[in-house]
Amino acid sequence: MWPSSLKAECPVTATGLCTPGVEETIVIDEVETIEYEADGYTVTTETTTTTTTITTTNEDSGNILDGDAGYVSSSKFEGDMDLDWGGQGPATMPSGNSCYNLGTDKCAQIIGSGNSTSTMGVDGMGTTFIQTIDISDLDIENGGRTNYSIKVDKQDSQDRIYMHITGKDGNTSVFSGTDILSESGVNSGYQTYESGFDFAGGITTLTIEIGGRDINLAIGPLYDDVRINVLYNVVNQIVTEHILSVEMWVAYGGSTETEVIDIVENIFEHNDVVDSPTDDMYFEPEFNEPDMNMSYETVEMEMEFDLDIEMPEMEIADIEMEMAEIEVDIEPEMEEPIATETEKVANETTDETEEPVEEPKENVAEKPEPKESSPETTEDETKEEVVEEKQEEPKKEKAAKKIVKKMGDKGRYDSTNQLKTLIVMQVLGDTKTFFDSQKQLNDRQGFFTDYMIPDTQIENNNIAQYYLFMGSDGLINDMIDSQWQTDSE
């Protein structure tokens, strides 16, 4: 277990370890072009969908100071300190009891009492152990962390010991870190120290320097079992690009360009463009949940309400019709006195003894009475009734048009308004009671069975075949006979 710092994100300049995971980014770019021609135009919509998938993992080099890892020689430079790494100042490699709590095998001892600056720039140095390790085959490019572990036994509290690591990418220094493991004046005794240094970008080499001072020249600081692990980020980025091009030809069809564009906008507004797995494109209508409270009665009431609003126009028409009837009644009354005078003159000429006055009076009085049953009067009334019926029908159509007009050009494509339009057509066609006299056909009992057809196989089913071919033929014949009998009745 190595301590490490985890970052929530892992950009190119990330320092330290990133949180492992998968991040997906989708960018949609849509470009529309229109090419106009004499009889229409072509609308081309090109949609580019770019999907970037970034997968981040953390890799561990293992202990690069282990001879079996292949980064250092097994006969030299290993972390078990069986051999001297080389460096600055005097040093020894004791073993047995001289290593105290580090074990009986060999260990490294700092015995230099000097106070200078080391090769890696650390001051207060008397002795150093140093080596550079090539780790270019790890292909580290996205940052990470170098962790170390070292066992130290400092018998003299006045001595000091430190750990320094420098990482480079070629000749460029990437990071440089120094930890004072035990400073002069600290009675640390035997300890195991673990820590590390974050870095960004890539590294190809690590330089490890362990140094310190033996101030009292008694027993200098001892150390053993050095471990170096490089934890680094591996970032894989996959970018996929999907281009969907849709062409639509729109013919003018005698309408203006604006009207054609409105039609196209309505089509796209009320339909979804769906991509199939085979990269084909088709339109899928958008269906909104219809208004379940709308019915034949509610639409009929709305039409009647619109008719009631237009009642003043109907009253004016009735007044005009009454005035026309008055004019018709006056004309016969003006002709009757002329006919009466003629009859009187004729009666007086032929026979002076008869009573010419009473007979014309009877005719004058009787003429207004048969007016209601006369053919001319009956024909006029029939015409008036036909006119009233013809006037009532356009009023219903006018109310229906008014309801449809309220929906608007785009609103008529709504599923609720489409249902409302169908009901308006039923009201105009007076189809409310169309199905009242229809005969109810009962379903055939026992047509379906509880037998379940097994999945992934189709078996012959004689009973089903009988129902499909023999039973269905008979059922169709019964239905035809029932309809014929119903029509005959």
Protein backbone atom coordinates (compact mmCIF):
# COMPACT_ATOMS: atom_id res chain seq x y z
CA MET A 1 0.00 0.00 0.00
CA TRP A 2 1.45 3.32 -1.14
CA PRO A 3 0.13 6.78 -0.25
CA SER A 4 -0.99 8.76 -3.28
CA SER A 5 -2.96 11.83 -4.22
CA LEU A 6 -5.98 11.40 -6.53
CA LYS A 7 -7.29 14.14 -8.80
CA ALA A 8 -10.94 14.44 -9.78
CA GLU A 9 -10.00 15.15 -13.40
CA CYS A 10 -7.11 14.17 -15.61
CA PRO A 11 -6.23 16.89 -18.12
CA VAL A 12 -3.00 16.81 -20.09
CA THR A 13 -1.30 18.96 -17.45
CA ALA A 14 -2.52 16.86 -14.50
CA THR A 15 -0.10 16.56 -11.60
CA GLY A 16 -0.32 13.35 -9.61
CA LEU A 17 -2.70 10.44 -10.05
CA CYS A 18 -6.10 10.86 -11.67
CA THR A 19 -9.29 9.17 -10.59
CA PRO A 20 -9.81 6.10 -12.79
CA GLY A 21 -12.97 6.13 -14.86
CA VAL A 22 -14.58 6.73 -18.23
CA GLU A 23 -15.65 10.16 -19.45
CA GLU A 24 -17.75 10.60 -22.58
CA THR A 25 -18.31 13.89 -24.34
CA ILE A 26 -20.80 14.29 -27.20
CA VAL A 27 -20.75 17.31 -29.50
CA ILE A 28 -23.48 17.73 -32.13
CA ASP A 29 -22.95 20.12 -35.03
CA GLU A 30 -25.82 20.71 -37.46
CA VAL A 31 -25.47 22.56 -40.77
CA GLU A 32 -28.43 23.25 -43.06
CA THR A 33 -28.11 24.32 -46.69
CA ILE A 34 -30.88 25.20 -49.18
CA GLU A 35 -30.59 24.96 -52.96
CA TYR A 36 -33.37 26.73 -54.88
CA GLU A 37 -34.58 25.63 -58.29
CA ALA A 38 -37.39 26.66 -60.62
CA ASP A 39 -39.99 24.18 -59.36
CA GLY A 40 -38.85 23.80 -55.75
CA TYR A 41 -35.83 23.59 -53.53
CA THR A 42 -33.70 21.02 -51.71
CA VAL A 43 -33.06 21.30 -47.97
CA THR A 44 -29.94 19.40 -46.89
CA THR A 45 -29.37 18.94 -43.18
CA GLU A 46 -25.99 17.50 -42.21
CA THR A 47 -25.66 16.48 -38.57
CA THR A 48 -22.19 15.61 -37.29
CA THR A 49 -22.06 13.81 -33.94
CA THR A 50 -18.59 13.63 -32.41
CA THR A 51 -18.24 11.30 -29.43
CA THR A 52 -15.04 11.45 -27.39
CA THR A 53 -14.50 8.64 -24.89
CA ILE A 54 -11.62 9.05 -22.43
CA THR A 55 -10.67 6.07 -20.28
CA THR A 56 -8.24 6.72 -17.41
CA THR A 57 -6.44 4.00 -15.45
CA ASN A 58 -3.57 3.95 -12.92
CA GLU A 59 -0.61 1.67 -13.62
CA ASP A 60 2.13 0.58 -11.17
CA SER A 61 5.69 -0.08 -12.25
CA GLY A 62 6.39 -2.24 -9.23
CA ASN A 63 9.60 -1.89 -7.22
CA ILE A 64 12.12 -0.67 -9.78
CA LEU A 65 15.00 -1.32 -7.26
CA ASP A 66 14.23 -5.05 -7.36
CA GLY A 67 16.77 -6.87 -9.58
CA ASP A 68 14.01 -9.11 -10.99
CA ALA A 69 12.08 -6.08 -12.33
CA GLY A 70 14.78 -5.47 -14.95
CA TYR A 71 15.55 -1.83 -14.23
CA VAL A 72 18.68 -2.36 -12.08
CA SER A 73 21.35 -5.03 -12.06
CA SER A 74 20.95 -7.83 -9.55
CA SER A 75 24.63 -7.54 -8.62
CA LYS A 76 24.54 -3.82 -7.99
CA PHE A 77 22.17 -0.92 -7.31
CA GLU A 78 19.44 -3.04 -5.74
CA GLY A 79 17.51 -1.66 -2.79
CA ASP A 80 18.65 -4.36 -0.38
CA MET A 81 21.99 -2.47 -0.08
CA ASP A 82 24.20 -5.52 -0.41
CA LEU A 83 26.57 -3.37 -2.52
CA ASP A 84 27.56 0.29 -2.45
CA TRP A 85 25.75 2.45 -5.07
CA GLY A 86 28.57 4.93 -5.11
CA GLY A 87 28.34 8.66 -4.42
CA GLN A 88 30.01 11.47 -2.47
CA GLY A 89 31.95 11.30 0.81
CA PRO A 90 32.96 8.30 2.92
CA ALA A 91 30.60 5.33 3.55
CA THR A 92 30.66 1.72 4.80
CA MET A 93 28.52 -1.40 4.23
CA PRO A 94 28.30 -3.17 7.64
CA SER A 95 26.42 -6.37 8.38
CA GLY A 96 25.38 -8.53 11.34
CA ASN A 97 24.93 -6.77 14.67
CA SER A 98 26.47 -3.60 13.23
CA CYS A 99 23.21 -3.01 11.33
CA TYR A 100 21.27 -3.07 14.63
CA ASN A 101 17.47 -3.25 13.95
CA LEU A 102 17.90 -3.45 10.16
CA GLY A 103 18.77 -7.17 10.26
CA THR A 104 21.94 -9.23 10.02
CA ASP A 105 22.43 -8.84 6.25
CA LYS A 106 24.32 -5.91 4.86
CA CYS A 107 23.12 -2.30 5.17
CA ALA A 108 24.46 1.16 4.23
CA GLN A 109 26.02 3.56 6.74
CA ILE A 110 26.66 7.31 6.40
CA ILE A 111 29.95 8.21 8.10
CA GLY A 112 30.86 11.57 6.45
CA SER A 113 30.87 14.57 8.80
CA GLY A 114 31.17 17.22 6.06
CA ASN A 115 28.63 19.99 5.50
CA SER A 116 28.39 20.69 1.77
CA THR A 117 25.87 20.61 -1.09
CA SER A 118 25.23 17.30 -2.81
CA THR A 119 25.17 16.56 -6.54
CA MET A 120 21.37 16.91 -6.53
CA GLY A 121 21.53 20.27 -4.71
CA VAL A 122 20.82 19.18 -1.13
CA ASP A 123 22.82 21.04 1.53
CA GLY A 124 24.06 19.68 4.88
CA MET A 125 25.63 16.64 3.18
CA GLY A 126 28.56 14.55 4.39
CA THR A 127 27.89 11.27 2.47
CA THR A 128 25.60 10.28 -0.42
CA PHE A 129 24.49 7.07 -2.20
CA ILE A 130 23.22 7.91 -5.71
CA GLN A 131 22.09 6.19 -8.93
CA THR A 132 20.04 6.98 -12.08
CA ILE A 133 17.47 4.47 -13.44
CA ASP A 134 16.06 4.36 -16.99
CA ILE A 135 12.27 3.84 -16.99
CA SER A 136 11.54 4.99 -20.56
CA ASP A 137 9.91 1.68 -21.47
CA LEU A 138 6.98 2.54 -19.16
CA ASP A 139 5.85 5.18 -21.68
CA ILE A 140 4.76 7.60 -18.98
CA GLU A 141 3.09 10.64 -20.61
CA ASN A 142 0.20 11.82 -18.40
CA GLY A 143 1.69 12.40 -14.96
CA GLY A 144 1.62 10.31 -11.84
CA ARG A 145 3.45 9.85 -8.55
CA THR A 146 6.77 8.37 -7.44
CA ASN A 147 6.44 6.60 -4.07
CA TYR A 148 9.36 5.44 -1.90
CA SER A 149 9.86 3.33 1.23
CA ILE A 150 13.08 3.15 3.33
CA LYS A 151 14.05 1.65 6.71
CA VAL A 152 16.34 3.83 8.87
CA ASP A 153 18.09 3.23 12.22
CA LYS A 154 19.66 6.45 13.62
CA GLN A 155 21.53 5.63 16.84
CA ASP A 156 22.86 9.18 17.38
CA SER A 157 20.13 11.80 17.60
CA GLN A 158 22.54 14.54 16.37
CA ASP A 159 22.94 12.90 12.94
CA ARG A 160 20.69 13.56 9.91
CA ILE A 161 19.51 11.58 6.86
CA TYR A 162 17.39 12.56 3.78
CA MET A 163 15.78 11.07 0.65
CA HIS A 164 15.93 12.89 -2.70
CA ILE A 165 14.37 11.88 -6.10
CA THR A 166 14.61 13.77 -9.41
CA GLY A 167 12.52 12.82 -12.46
CA LYS A 168 13.47 13.86 -16.00
CA ASP A 169 11.88 13.60 -19.44
CA GLY A 170 15.02 13.29 -21.53
CA ASN A 171 17.17 16.21 -20.40
CA THR A 172 14.22 18.21 -19.04
CA SER A 173 13.65 18.13 -15.31
CA VAL A 174 10.03 17.19 -14.54
CA PHE A 175 10.11 17.14 -10.73
CA SER A 176 12.65 17.27 -7.90
CA GLY A 177 11.75 16.40 -4.30
CA THR A 178 13.67 16.12 -1.00
CA ASP A 179 12.35 14.69 2.28
CA ILE A 180 14.40 15.06 5.51
CA LEU A 181 13.78 11.69 7.09
CA SER A 182 15.35 12.52 10.46
CA GLU A 183 16.89 15.90 11.21
CA SER A 184 19.74 16.59 13.63
CA GLY A 185 18.49 16.76 17.21
CA VAL A 186 15.67 14.22 16.70
CA ASN A 187 15.93 10.90 18.53
CA SER A 188 14.12 8.90 15.87
CA GLY A 189 15.81 5.52 16.37
CA TYR A 190 14.46 2.80 14.08
CA GLN A 191 11.75 3.92 11.65
CA THR A 192 10.21 3.04 8.26
CA TYR A 193 9.59 6.14 6.14
CA GLU A 194 7.08 6.20 3.26
CA SER A 195 6.15 9.12 1.04
CA GLY A 196 6.41 10.26 -2.57
CA PHE A 197 6.38 13.10 -5.12
CA ASP A 198 3.70 14.00 -7.70
CA PHE A 199 4.65 14.87 -11.24
CA ALA A 200 2.97 15.95 -14.49
CA GLY A 201 3.65 14.92 -18.07
CA GLY A 202 6.14 12.23 -18.93
CA ILE A 203 9.35 10.97 -17.35
CA THR A 204 12.07 8.72 -18.73
CA THR A 205 14.65 8.59 -15.88
CA LEU A 206 14.72 8.73 -12.09
CA THR A 207 17.77 9.82 -10.04
CA ILE A 208 17.71 8.56 -6.43
CA GLU A 209 20.01 10.15 -3.84
CA ILE A 210 20.18 9.11 -0.15
CA GLY A 211 22.51 11.20 2.03
CA GLY A 212 23.20 12.74 5.42
CA ARG A 213 25.85 13.56 8.10
CA ASP A 214 27.58 11.76 10.95
CA ILE A 215 28.10 14.81 13.15
CA ASN A 216 29.60 13.17 16.30
CA LEU A 217 31.61 10.62 14.28
CA ALA A 218 30.30 7.85 16.50
CA ILE A 219 27.73 5.63 14.77
CA GLY A 220 26.42 7.26 11.60
CA PRO A 221 22.84 6.84 10.23
CA LEU A 222 22.07 3.34 8.89
CA TYR A 223 19.45 2.42 6.21
CA ASP A 224 18.29 -0.63 4.20
CA ASP A 225 15.43 -2.10 2.12
CA VAL A 226 14.82 0.85 -0.22
CA ARG A 227 11.77 0.57 -2.54
CA ILE A 228 10.76 2.87 -5.42
CA ASN A 229 7.41 2.48 -7.18
CA VAL A 230 6.20 4.69 -10.05
CA LEU A 231 2.40 5.04 -10.26
CA TYR A 232 1.33 6.72 -13.49
CA ASN A 233 -1.81 7.60 -15.45
CA VAL A 234 -2.70 5.83 -18.67
CA VAL A 235 -5.22 7.81 -20.71
CA ASN A 236 -6.84 6.27 -23.77
CA GLN A 237 -8.92 8.58 -25.94
CA ILE A 238 -11.25 7.30 -28.65
CA VAL A 239 -12.98 9.80 -30.95
CA THR A 240 -15.82 8.61 -33.18
CA GLU A 241 -17.58 10.80 -35.71
CA HIS A 242 -20.99 10.04 -37.18
CA ILE A 243 -22.31 12.14 -40.07
CA LEU A 244 -26.01 12.01 -40.98
CA SER A 245 -27.06 13.82 -44.15
CA VAL A 246 -30.77 14.28 -44.84
CA GLU A 247 -32.03 15.73 -48.12
CA MET A 248 -35.60 16.90 -48.58
CA TRP A 249 -37.06 18.05 -51.89
CA VAL A 250 -39.88 20.56 -51.53
CA ALA A 251 -41.98 21.43 -54.58
CA TYR A 252 -43.59 24.84 -54.74
CA GLY A 253 -46.86 23.37 -55.97
CA GLY A 254 -48.32 26.79 -56.80
CA SER A 255 -47.86 28.16 -53.29
CA THR A 256 -45.45 30.87 -52.26
CA GLU A 257 -42.02 30.09 -50.87
CA THR A 258 -43.10 31.17 -47.38
CA GLU A 259 -46.01 28.73 -47.36
CA VAL A 260 -43.77 25.88 -48.46
CA ILE A 261 -41.28 26.66 -45.72
CA ASP A 262 -44.14 26.72 -43.18
CA ILE A 263 -45.18 23.24 -44.32
CA VAL A 264 -41.63 21.94 -43.92
CA GLU A 265 -41.36 23.51 -40.48
CA ASN A 266 -44.65 21.90 -39.45
CA ILE A 267 -43.40 18.50 -40.59
CA PHE A 268 -40.17 18.78 -38.60
CA GLU A 269 -41.90 20.34 -35.60
CA HIS A 270 -44.46 17.58 -35.19
CA ASN A 271 -42.28 14.60 -36.16
CA ASP A 272 -39.06 13.10 -34.77
CA VAL A 273 -36.21 12.24 -37.13
CA VAL A 274 -35.11 8.74 -36.07
CA ASP A 275 -31.90 6.98 -37.10
CA SER A 276 -32.07 3.25 -37.67
CA PRO A 277 -29.14 0.86 -37.05
CA THR A 278 -28.64 0.68 -40.83
CA ASP A 279 -28.06 4.47 -40.99
CA ASP A 280 -31.44 4.99 -42.64
CA MET A 281 -33.62 7.92 -41.60
CA TYR A 282 -37.37 8.04 -41.15
CA PHE A 283 -39.95 10.29 -39.53
CA GLU A 284 -41.80 9.24 -36.39
CA PRO A 285 -44.90 11.33 -35.52
CA GLU A 286 -45.12 12.97 -32.14
CA PHE A 287 -48.32 11.93 -30.37
CA ASN A 288 -49.59 13.94 -27.46
CA GLU A 289 -52.13 12.44 -25.13
CA PRO A 290 -55.58 13.51 -26.48
CA ASP A 291 -58.10 15.41 -24.40
CA MET A 292 -60.25 12.60 -22.97
CA ASN A 293 -62.96 15.12 -21.91
CA MET A 294 -63.71 15.99 -25.53
CA SER A 295 -66.73 14.22 -27.03
CA TYR A 296 -69.45 14.53 -29.65
CA GLU A 297 -71.66 16.44 -27.19
CA THR A 298 -68.97 19.00 -26.19
CA VAL A 299 -68.13 19.82 -29.81
CA GLU A 300 -71.82 20.07 -30.68
CA MET A 301 -72.35 22.49 -27.77
CA GLU A 302 -69.43 24.61 -28.97
CA MET A 303 -70.91 24.81 -32.46
CA GLU A 304 -74.31 25.77 -31.04
CA PHE A 305 -72.62 28.47 -28.97
CA ASP A 306 -71.08 29.93 -32.13
CA LEU A 307 -74.52 29.81 -33.80
CA ASP A 308 -76.08 31.68 -30.85
CA ILE A 309 -73.50 34.45 -31.22
CA GLU A 310 -74.64 34.98 -34.83
CA MET A 311 -78.39 35.11 -33.94
CA PRO A 312 -78.76 38.88 -34.71
CA GLU A 313 -78.00 38.16 -38.37
CA MET A 314 -80.74 35.50 -38.43
CA GLU A 315 -83.30 37.95 -36.95
CA ILE A 316 -82.53 40.50 -39.66
CA ALA A 317 -83.03 37.85 -42.31
CA ASP A 318 -86.40 36.92 -40.76
CA ILE A 319 -87.50 40.56 -40.83
CA GLU A 320 -86.64 40.81 -44.49
CA MET A 321 -88.60 37.65 -45.22
CA GLU A 322 -91.66 38.99 -43.32
CA MET A 323 -91.49 42.23 -45.31
CA ALA A 324 -91.42 40.22 -48.52
CA GLU A 325 -94.51 38.27 -47.39
CA ILE A 326 -96.41 41.51 -46.71
CA GLU A 327 -95.74 42.74 -50.23
CA VAL A 328 -97.06 39.47 -51.68
CA ASP A 329 -100.27 39.73 -49.62
CA ILE A 330 -101.01 43.29 -50.81
CA GLU A 331 -100.89 42.54 -54.54
CA PRO A 332 -103.92 40.14 -54.64
CA GLU A 333 -106.01 42.63 -52.60
CA MET A 334 -105.40 45.33 -55.22
CA GLU A 335 -106.55 43.03 -58.08
CA GLU A 336 -109.74 41.80 -56.40
CA PRO A 337 -111.70 45.14 -56.62
CA ILE A 338 -111.00 45.36 -60.37
CA ALA A 339 -112.37 41.86 -60.94
CA THR A 340 -115.44 42.70 -58.82
CA GLU A 341 -116.30 45.84 -60.82
CA THR A 342 -116.10 43.89 -64.09
CA GLU A 343 -118.42 41.21 -62.80
CA LYS A 344 -120.94 43.83 -61.68
CA VAL A 345 -121.09 45.45 -65.12
CA ALA A 346 -121.55 42.04 -66.77
CA ASN A 347 -124.34 41.05 -64.39
CA GLU A 348 -126.20 44.29 -64.88
CA THR A 349 -126.08 43.93 -68.69
CA THR A 350 -127.35 40.32 -68.89
CA ASP A 351 -130.04 40.30 -66.28
CA GLU A 352 -131.42 43.33 -64.45
CA THR A 353 -133.65 41.22 -62.15
CA GLU A 354 -130.74 39.33 -60.48
CA GLU A 355 -128.87 40.60 -57.44
CA PRO A 356 -125.39 41.39 -58.76
CA VAL A 357 -124.16 42.89 -55.53
CA GLU A 358 -124.45 39.85 -53.28
CA GLU A 359 -122.72 37.39 -55.59
CA PRO A 360 -119.52 39.44 -56.03
CA LYS A 361 -119.47 40.10 -52.29
CA GLU A 362 -119.48 36.41 -51.64
CA ASN A 363 -116.55 35.96 -54.04
CA VAL A 364 -114.62 38.78 -52.43
CA ALA A 365 -115.10 37.31 -49.00
CA GLU A 366 -114.22 33.80 -50.07
CA LYS A 367 -111.00 34.60 -51.89
CA PRO A 368 -108.85 35.34 -48.86
CA GLU A 369 -109.91 32.04 -47.21
CA PRO A 370 -108.55 29.58 -49.80
CA LYS A 371 -105.32 31.56 -49.80
CA GLU A 372 -103.73 29.09 -47.36
CA SER A 373 -104.65 26.02 -49.43
CA SER A 374 -104.02 27.55 -52.84
CA PRO A 375 -101.22 25.98 -54.88
CA GLU A 376 -99.36 29.29 -55.12
CA THR A 377 -99.37 29.84 -51.36
CA THR A 378 -98.29 26.22 -50.63
CA GLU A 379 -95.44 26.48 -53.11
CA ASP A 380 -94.20 29.72 -51.53
CA GLU A 381 -94.23 28.26 -48.05
CA THR A 382 -92.34 25.18 -49.28
CA LYS A 383 -89.75 27.42 -50.86
CA GLU A 384 -89.40 29.36 -47.63
CA GLU A 385 -88.85 26.14 -45.63
CA VAL A 386 -86.19 24.99 -48.13
CA VAL A 387 -84.48 28.37 -47.88
CA GLU A 388 -84.48 28.13 -44.07
CA GLU A 389 -82.95 24.64 -44.21
CA LYS A 390 -80.32 25.75 -46.70
CA GLN A 391 -79.48 28.74 -44.53
CA GLU A 392 -79.18 26.60 -41.41
CA GLU A 393 -76.72 24.19 -43.03
CA PRO A 394 -74.16 26.86 -44.06
CA LYS A 395 -74.37 28.28 -40.54
CA LYS A 396 -73.25 24.94 -39.13
CA GLU A 397 -70.44 24.80 -41.65
CA LYS A 398 -69.48 28.36 -40.76
CA ALA A 399 -69.37 27.45 -37.04
CA ALA A 400 -67.27 24.38 -37.88
CA LYS A 401 -64.83 26.48 -39.92
CA LYS A 402 -64.59 28.91 -37.03
CA ILE A 403 -63.63 26.09 -34.64
CA VAL A 404 -60.95 24.82 -37.02
CA LYS A 405 -59.66 28.35 -37.57
CA LYS A 406 -59.12 28.75 -33.80
CA MET A 407 -56.64 25.86 -33.93
CA GLY A 408 -54.22 27.86 -36.09
CA ASP A 409 -52.05 26.65 -38.94
CA LYS A 410 -49.68 24.73 -36.63
CA GLY A 411 -52.20 23.74 -33.99
CA ARG A 412 -54.22 21.63 -36.42
CA TYR A 413 -51.40 19.05 -36.40
CA ASP A 414 -51.87 18.48 -32.67
CA SER A 415 -53.37 15.05 -31.92
CA THR A 416 -56.12 16.60 -29.75
CA ASN A 417 -57.15 19.03 -32.48
CA GLN A 418 -57.11 16.24 -35.05
CA LEU A 419 -59.54 14.28 -32.88
CA LYS A 420 -61.65 17.42 -32.52
CA THR A 421 -61.70 17.88 -36.31
CA LEU A 422 -63.01 14.33 -36.77
CA ILE A 423 -65.80 14.98 -34.25
CA VAL A 424 -66.71 18.22 -36.06
CA MET A 425 -67.03 16.21 -39.28
CA GLN A 426 -69.34 13.78 -37.47
CA VAL A 427 -71.51 16.64 -36.23
CA LEU A 428 -71.77 18.10 -39.75
CA GLY A 429 -72.59 14.68 -41.18
CA ASP A 430 -75.13 13.97 -38.42
CA THR A 431 -73.51 10.59 -37.74
CA LYS A 432 -74.23 10.62 -34.02
CA THR A 433 -76.78 7.78 -34.27
CA PHE A 434 -75.18 5.99 -37.20
CA PHE A 435 -74.23 2.93 -35.20
CA ASP A 436 -77.35 2.75 -33.01
CA SER A 437 -79.12 0.24 -35.28
CA GLN A 438 -76.09 -1.97 -35.87
CA LYS A 439 -76.19 -5.57 -34.82
CA GLN A 440 -73.67 -6.69 -32.20
CA LEU A 441 -71.61 -9.70 -33.30
CA ASN A 442 -70.63 -12.01 -30.48
CA ASP A 443 -67.14 -13.43 -30.29
CA ARG A 444 -66.80 -17.15 -30.91
CA GLN A 445 -66.47 -19.03 -27.65
CA GLY A 446 -63.45 -21.28 -27.31
CA PHE A 447 -61.59 -19.70 -30.23
CA PHE A 448 -58.48 -19.20 -28.10
CA THR A 449 -56.80 -21.97 -26.10
CA ASP A 450 -54.51 -21.90 -23.07
CA TYR A 451 -51.82 -23.78 -24.95
CA MET A 452 -48.56 -21.82 -25.08
CA ILE A 453 -46.34 -22.15 -28.14
CA PRO A 454 -42.74 -22.91 -27.09
CA ASP A 455 -40.12 -20.26 -27.76
CA THR A 456 -37.49 -20.70 -30.52
CA GLN A 457 -39.50 -23.47 -32.25
CA ILE A 458 -42.64 -23.74 -34.33
CA GLU A 459 -44.65 -26.96 -34.19
CA ASN A 460 -47.58 -28.12 -36.28
CA ASN A 461 -50.85 -27.44 -34.50
CA ASN A 462 -53.78 -29.23 -36.11
CA ILE A 463 -56.31 -27.59 -33.84
CA ALA A 464 -55.01 -24.12 -34.67
CA GLN A 465 -55.04 -24.97 -38.39
CA TYR A 466 -58.63 -26.10 -38.11
CA TYR A 467 -59.62 -22.89 -36.37
CA LEU A 468 -57.72 -20.80 -38.90
CA PHE A 469 -58.99 -22.47 -42.07
CA MET A 470 -62.23 -24.34 -41.31
CA GLY A 471 -63.50 -22.33 -38.34
CA SER A 472 -62.67 -18.95 -39.85
CA ASP A 473 -64.43 -19.79 -43.13
CA GLY A 474 -67.56 -20.67 -41.25
CA LEU A 475 -67.36 -17.55 -39.10
CA ILE A 476 -67.00 -15.35 -42.19
CA ASN A 477 -70.04 -16.97 -43.78
CA ASP A 478 -72.06 -16.39 -40.61
CA MET A 479 -70.99 -12.75 -40.58
CA ILE A 480 -72.00 -12.31 -44.25
CA ASP A 481 -75.36 -13.94 -43.60
CA SER A 482 -75.99 -11.79 -40.54
CA GLN A 483 -75.23 -8.61 -42.49
CA TRP A 484 -77.46 -9.69 -45.38
CA GLN A 485 -80.27 -10.45 -42.96
CA THR A 486 -79.78 -7.12 -41.22
CA ASP A 487 -79.88 -5.24 -44.54
CA SER A 488 -82.99 -7.15 -45.57
CA GLU A 489 -84.76 -6.17 -42.37
